[in-house]
Amino acid sequence: MKKKECQLNELLVETFSVILQLEEKTIQQKDFKDLSIREIHALSAIAEGNGRSMSRMAASLGVAMSTVTATVDRICRKGYARRIQQEPDRRKVQLVLTNRGDRVVRLHRLFHRQMVRAAIKDLDPFEQGVLIGSMGRLNHFFKDECRNLGIQLSTEAKL
């Protein structure tokens, strides 16, 4: 690899790792020490379609129903979400956030807003466009690679 490619590779690898760690630790420091990053992303997915069903959540996240069930069991047991059984078919369950879960989602959204603002701080509109274009191309590359490997993607974070 050329020097610039090596630098960019190191930045991408390190940034991805730091984002995940910081995202989790930021939420945990705000009195939510019992949550993993997967659970935080599950709460965000519920918030995006509040009242969504377990099967819709599994489909939108591109994960197995058993993965969603285990994650939802944990966040419900911890008091961040609730299952509401639907009448007349009580097998159908809707997921809703509790007040505590809603607080986590708001903190998570704040983290992302701050991250985006830090990324574009001090960039003029042209530079912002270049950054957005570069990130878009990188995102497209990853999605193409996933499709080539038969990996089903969603637009939401994975559990």
C-alpha atoms as a PDB file:
ATOM      1  CA  MET A   1       0.000   0.000   0.000  1.00  0.00           C
ATOM      2  CA  LYS A   2       1.053   3.540  -0.677  1.00  0.00           C
ATOM      3  CA  LYS A   3       1.708   5.841   2.274  1.00  0.00           C
ATOM      4  CA  LYS A   4      -1.601   7.756   1.907  1.00  0.00           C
ATOM      5  CA  GLU A   5      -3.527   4.482   1.581  1.00  0.00           C
ATOM      6  CA  CYS A   6      -1.872   3.143   4.742  1.00  0.00           C
ATOM      7  CA  GLN A   7      -2.721   6.346   6.612  1.00  0.00           C
ATOM      8  CA  LEU A   8      -6.332   6.210   5.473  1.00  0.00           C
ATOM      9  CA  ASN A   9      -6.613   2.509   6.332  1.00  0.00           C
ATOM     10  CA  GLU A  10      -5.303   3.159   9.843  1.00  0.00           C
ATOM     11  CA  LEU A  11      -7.706   6.068  10.279  1.00  0.00           C
ATOM     12  CA  LEU A  12     -10.709   4.039   9.114  1.00  0.00           C
ATOM     13  CA  VAL A  13      -9.920   1.018  11.304  1.00  0.00           C
ATOM     14  CA  GLU A  14      -9.163   3.112  14.362  1.00  0.00           C
ATOM     15  CA  THR A  15     -12.145   5.432  13.859  1.00  0.00           C
ATOM     16  CA  PHE A  16     -14.600   2.546  13.533  1.00  0.00           C
ATOM     17  CA  SER A  17     -13.259   0.915  16.685  1.00  0.00           C
ATOM     18  CA  VAL A  18     -13.240   4.176  18.668  1.00  0.00           C
ATOM     19  CA  ILE A  19     -16.778   5.083  17.571  1.00  0.00           C
ATOM     20  CA  LEU A  20     -18.202   1.788  18.826  1.00  0.00           C
ATOM     21  CA  GLN A  21     -16.333   1.954  22.122  1.00  0.00           C
ATOM     22  CA  LEU A  22     -17.097   5.614  22.749  1.00  0.00           C
ATOM     23  CA  GLU A  23     -20.738   5.236  21.741  1.00  0.00           C
ATOM     24  CA  GLU A  24     -21.218   2.464  24.307  1.00  0.00           C
ATOM     25  CA  LYS A  25     -19.211   4.144  27.086  1.00  0.00           C
ATOM     26  CA  THR A  26     -20.938   7.513  26.576  1.00  0.00           C
ATOM     27  CA  ILE A  27     -24.337   5.934  27.174  1.00  0.00           C
ATOM     28  CA  GLN A  28     -23.063   3.801  30.067  1.00  0.00           C
ATOM     29  CA  GLN A  29     -21.674   6.868  31.868  1.00  0.00           C
ATOM     30  CA  LYS A  30     -25.129   8.435  31.836  1.00  0.00           C
ATOM     31  CA  ASP A  31     -26.541   5.901  34.332  1.00  0.00           C
ATOM     32  CA  PHE A  32     -27.094   3.115  31.801  1.00  0.00           C
ATOM     33  CA  LYS A  33     -24.145   0.879  32.699  1.00  0.00           C
ATOM     34  CA  ASP A  34     -26.076  -2.311  32.008  1.00  0.00           C
ATOM     35  CA  LEU A  35     -26.413  -1.766  28.231  1.00  0.00           C
ATOM     36  CA  SER A  36     -24.227  -3.111  25.441  1.00  0.00           C
ATOM     37  CA  ILE A  37     -23.848  -1.360  22.100  1.00  0.00           C
ATOM     38  CA  ARG A  38     -26.065  -4.049  20.526  1.00  0.00           C
ATOM     39  CA  GLU A  39     -28.805  -3.290  23.025  1.00  0.00           C
ATOM     40  CA  ILE A  40     -28.438   0.458  22.443  1.00  0.00           C
ATOM     41  CA  HIS A  41     -28.841  -0.094  18.701  1.00  0.00           C
ATOM     42  CA  ALA A  42     -31.855  -2.340  19.327  1.00  0.00           C
ATOM     43  CA  LEU A  43     -33.491   0.440  21.350  1.00  0.00           C
ATOM     44  CA  SER A  44     -32.810   2.870  18.513  1.00  0.00           C
ATOM     45  CA  ALA A  45     -34.378   0.439  16.038  1.00  0.00           C
ATOM     46  CA  ILE A  46     -37.488   0.195  18.218  1.00  0.00           C
ATOM     47  CA  ALA A  47     -37.658   3.997  18.428  1.00  0.00           C
ATOM     48  CA  GLU A  48     -37.497   4.335  14.637  1.00  0.00           C
ATOM     49  CA  GLY A  49     -40.672   2.296  14.339  1.00  0.00           C
ATOM     50  CA  ASN A  50     -42.128   2.562  17.838  1.00  0.00           C
ATOM     51  CA  GLY A  51     -44.657  -0.195  18.268  1.00  0.00           C
ATOM     52  CA  ARG A  52     -43.001  -2.370  15.657  1.00  0.00           C
ATOM     53  CA  SER A  53     -43.388  -6.110  15.747  1.00  0.00           C
ATOM     54  CA  MET A  54     -40.598  -8.537  16.541  1.00  0.00           C
ATOM     55  CA  SER A  55     -40.710 -10.000  13.033  1.00  0.00           C
ATOM     56  CA  ARG A  56     -40.531  -6.564  11.374  1.00  0.00           C
ATOM     57  CA  MET A  57     -37.609  -5.669  13.608  1.00  0.00           C
ATOM     58  CA  ALA A  58     -35.756  -8.881  12.667  1.00  0.00           C
ATOM     59  CA  ALA A  59     -36.425  -8.261   8.965  1.00  0.00           C
ATOM     60  CA  SER A  60     -35.395  -4.605   9.048  1.00  0.00           C
ATOM     61  CA  LEU A  61     -32.176  -5.417  10.920  1.00  0.00           C
ATOM     62  CA  GLY A  62     -31.416  -8.412   8.718  1.00  0.00           C
ATOM     63  CA  VAL A  63     -30.903 -10.718  11.693  1.00  0.00           C
ATOM     64  CA  ALA A  64     -32.511 -13.959  12.819  1.00  0.00           C
ATOM     65  CA  MET A  65     -35.659 -13.865  14.913  1.00  0.00           C
ATOM     66  CA  SER A  66     -33.767 -15.685  17.692  1.00  0.00           C
ATOM     67  CA  THR A  67     -31.205 -12.839  17.840  1.00  0.00           C
ATOM     68  CA  VAL A  68     -33.950 -10.223  18.145  1.00  0.00           C
ATOM     69  CA  THR A  69     -35.792 -12.320  20.738  1.00  0.00           C
ATOM     70  CA  ALA A  70     -32.708 -12.681  22.936  1.00  0.00           C
ATOM     71  CA  THR A  71     -31.854  -8.985  22.686  1.00  0.00           C
ATOM     72  CA  VAL A  72     -35.438  -7.893  23.349  1.00  0.00           C
ATOM     73  CA  ASP A  73     -35.640 -10.276  26.315  1.00  0.00           C
ATOM     74  CA  ARG A  74     -32.611  -8.530  27.828  1.00  0.00           C
ATOM     75  CA  ILE A  75     -33.766  -4.951  27.230  1.00  0.00           C
ATOM     76  CA  CYS A  76     -37.264  -5.738  28.529  1.00  0.00           C
ATOM     77  CA  ARG A  77     -35.862  -7.444  31.628  1.00  0.00           C
ATOM     78  CA  LYS A  78     -33.675  -4.362  32.221  1.00  0.00           C
ATOM     79  CA  GLY A  79     -36.689  -2.039  31.916  1.00  0.00           C
ATOM     80  CA  TYR A  80     -35.838  -0.256  28.647  1.00  0.00           C
ATOM     81  CA  ALA A  81     -38.673  -1.633  26.492  1.00  0.00           C
ATOM     82  CA  ARG A  82     -41.981  -3.441  26.819  1.00  0.00           C
ATOM     83  CA  ARG A  83     -43.788  -6.055  24.797  1.00  0.00           C
ATOM     84  CA  ILE A  84     -47.460  -5.392  24.192  1.00  0.00           C
ATOM     85  CA  GLN A  85     -49.541  -8.333  23.048  1.00  0.00           C
ATOM     86  CA  GLN A  86     -52.042  -7.561  20.326  1.00  0.00           C
ATOM     87  CA  GLU A  87     -55.663  -8.609  20.472  1.00  0.00           C
ATOM     88  CA  PRO A  88     -57.166 -10.883  19.185  1.00  0.00           C
ATOM     89  CA  ASP A  89     -53.963 -12.724  18.208  1.00  0.00           C
ATOM     90  CA  ARG A  90     -51.891 -12.639  21.382  1.00  0.00           C
ATOM     91  CA  ARG A  91     -48.976 -14.258  19.521  1.00  0.00           C
ATOM     92  CA  LYS A  92     -48.340 -10.892  17.880  1.00  0.00           C
ATOM     93  CA  VAL A  93     -46.214  -8.615  20.013  1.00  0.00           C
ATOM     94  CA  GLN A  94     -45.475  -4.926  19.547  1.00  0.00           C
ATOM     95  CA  LEU A  95     -42.374  -3.353  21.042  1.00  0.00           C
ATOM     96  CA  VAL A  96     -42.410   0.042  22.728  1.00  0.00           C
ATOM     97  CA  LEU A  97     -39.804   1.946  24.673  1.00  0.00           C
ATOM     98  CA  THR A  98     -40.210   2.774  28.329  1.00  0.00           C
ATOM     99  CA  ASN A  99     -39.271   6.255  29.564  1.00  0.00           C
ATOM    100  CA  ARG A 100     -35.860   4.839  30.459  1.00  0.00           C
ATOM    101  CA  GLY A 101     -35.423   3.406  26.945  1.00  0.00           C
ATOM    102  CA  ASP A 102     -36.471   6.711  25.426  1.00  0.00           C
ATOM    103  CA  ARG A 103     -33.775   8.500  27.456  1.00  0.00           C
ATOM    104  CA  VAL A 104     -31.140   6.116  26.082  1.00  0.00           C
ATOM    105  CA  VAL A 105     -32.298   6.744  22.507  1.00  0.00           C
ATOM    106  CA  ARG A 106     -32.164  10.519  23.007  1.00  0.00           C
ATOM    107  CA  LEU A 107     -28.599  10.243  24.362  1.00  0.00           C
ATOM    108  CA  HIS A 108     -27.646   8.005  21.437  1.00  0.00           C
ATOM    109  CA  ARG A 109     -29.030  10.513  18.937  1.00  0.00           C
ATOM    110  CA  LEU A 110     -27.141  13.314  20.706  1.00  0.00           C
ATOM    111  CA  PHE A 111     -23.911  11.316  20.424  1.00  0.00           C
ATOM    112  CA  HIS A 112     -24.446  10.950  16.671  1.00  0.00           C
ATOM    113  CA  ARG A 113     -25.289  14.651  16.230  1.00  0.00           C
ATOM    114  CA  GLN A 114     -22.114  15.621  18.068  1.00  0.00           C
ATOM    115  CA  MET A 115     -20.062  13.171  15.990  1.00  0.00           C
ATOM    116  CA  VAL A 116     -21.390  14.582  12.706  1.00  0.00           C
ATOM    117  CA  ARG A 117     -20.897  18.170  13.808  1.00  0.00           C
ATOM    118  CA  ALA A 118     -17.307  17.409  14.836  1.00  0.00           C
ATOM    119  CA  ALA A 119     -16.661  15.817  11.425  1.00  0.00           C
ATOM    120  CA  ILE A 120     -17.754  18.899   9.482  1.00  0.00           C
ATOM    121  CA  LYS A 121     -16.557  21.550  11.917  1.00  0.00           C
ATOM    122  CA  ASP A 122     -14.286  24.069  10.240  1.00  0.00           C
ATOM    123  CA  LEU A 123     -15.018  22.659   6.765  1.00  0.00           C
ATOM    124  CA  ASP A 124     -16.334  25.025   4.138  1.00  0.00           C
ATOM    125  CA  PRO A 125     -19.357  23.885   2.082  1.00  0.00           C
ATOM    126  CA  PHE A 126     -17.124  22.526  -0.708  1.00  0.00           C
ATOM    127  CA  GLU A 127     -15.055  20.466   1.753  1.00  0.00           C
ATOM    128  CA  GLN A 128     -18.239  19.198   3.387  1.00  0.00           C
ATOM    129  CA  GLY A 129     -19.402  18.032  -0.030  1.00  0.00           C
ATOM    130  CA  VAL A 130     -16.091  16.268  -0.661  1.00  0.00           C
ATOM    131  CA  LEU A 131     -16.302  14.504   2.715  1.00  0.00           C
ATOM    132  CA  ILE A 132     -19.901  13.452   2.111  1.00  0.00           C
ATOM    133  CA  GLY A 133     -19.023  12.233  -1.388  1.00  0.00           C
ATOM    134  CA  SER A 134     -16.046  10.230  -0.104  1.00  0.00           C
ATOM    135  CA  MET A 135     -18.091   8.667   2.686  1.00  0.00           C
ATOM    136  CA  GLY A 136     -20.845   7.852   0.204  1.00  0.00           C
ATOM    137  CA  ARG A 137     -18.396   6.086  -2.115  1.00  0.00           C
ATOM    138  CA  LEU A 138     -16.941   4.149   0.819  1.00  0.00           C
ATOM    139  CA  ASN A 139     -20.417   3.172   1.957  1.00  0.00           C
ATOM    140  CA  HIS A 140     -21.293   2.055  -1.588  1.00  0.00           C
ATOM    141  CA  PHE A 141     -18.115  -0.062  -1.716  1.00  0.00           C
ATOM    142  CA  PHE A 142     -19.008  -1.808   1.555  1.00  0.00           C
ATOM    143  CA  LYS A 143     -22.566  -2.474   0.417  1.00  0.00           C
ATOM    144  CA  ASP A 144     -21.347  -3.892  -2.903  1.00  0.00           C
ATOM    145  CA  GLU A 145     -18.882  -6.155  -1.100  1.00  0.00           C
ATOM    146  CA  CYS A 146     -21.632  -7.383   1.214  1.00  0.00           C
ATOM    147  CA  ARG A 147     -23.934  -8.106  -1.729  1.00  0.00           C
ATOM    148  CA  ASN A 148     -21.117  -9.987  -3.473  1.00  0.00           C
ATOM    149  CA  LEU A 149     -20.720 -12.130  -0.354  1.00  0.00           C
ATOM    150  CA  GLY A 150     -24.480 -12.672  -0.016  1.00  0.00           C
ATOM    151  CA  ILE A 151     -24.739 -10.653   3.173  1.00  0.00           C
ATOM    152  CA  GLN A 152     -28.206  -9.197   3.656  1.00  0.00           C
ATOM    153  CA  LEU A 153     -28.047  -5.592   4.812  1.00  0.00           C
ATOM    154  CA  SER A 154     -30.487  -3.198   6.334  1.00  0.00           C
ATOM    155  CA  THR A 155     -30.318   0.565   6.705  1.00  0.00           C
ATOM    156  CA  GLU A 156     -30.296   0.207  10.493  1.00  0.00           C
ATOM    157  CA  ALA A 157     -27.512  -0.790  12.839  1.00  0.00           C
ATOM    158  CA  LYS A 158     -27.043  -4.483  13.411  1.00  0.00           C
ATOM    159  CA  LEU A 159     -27.703  -6.182  16.708  1.00  0.00           C
END
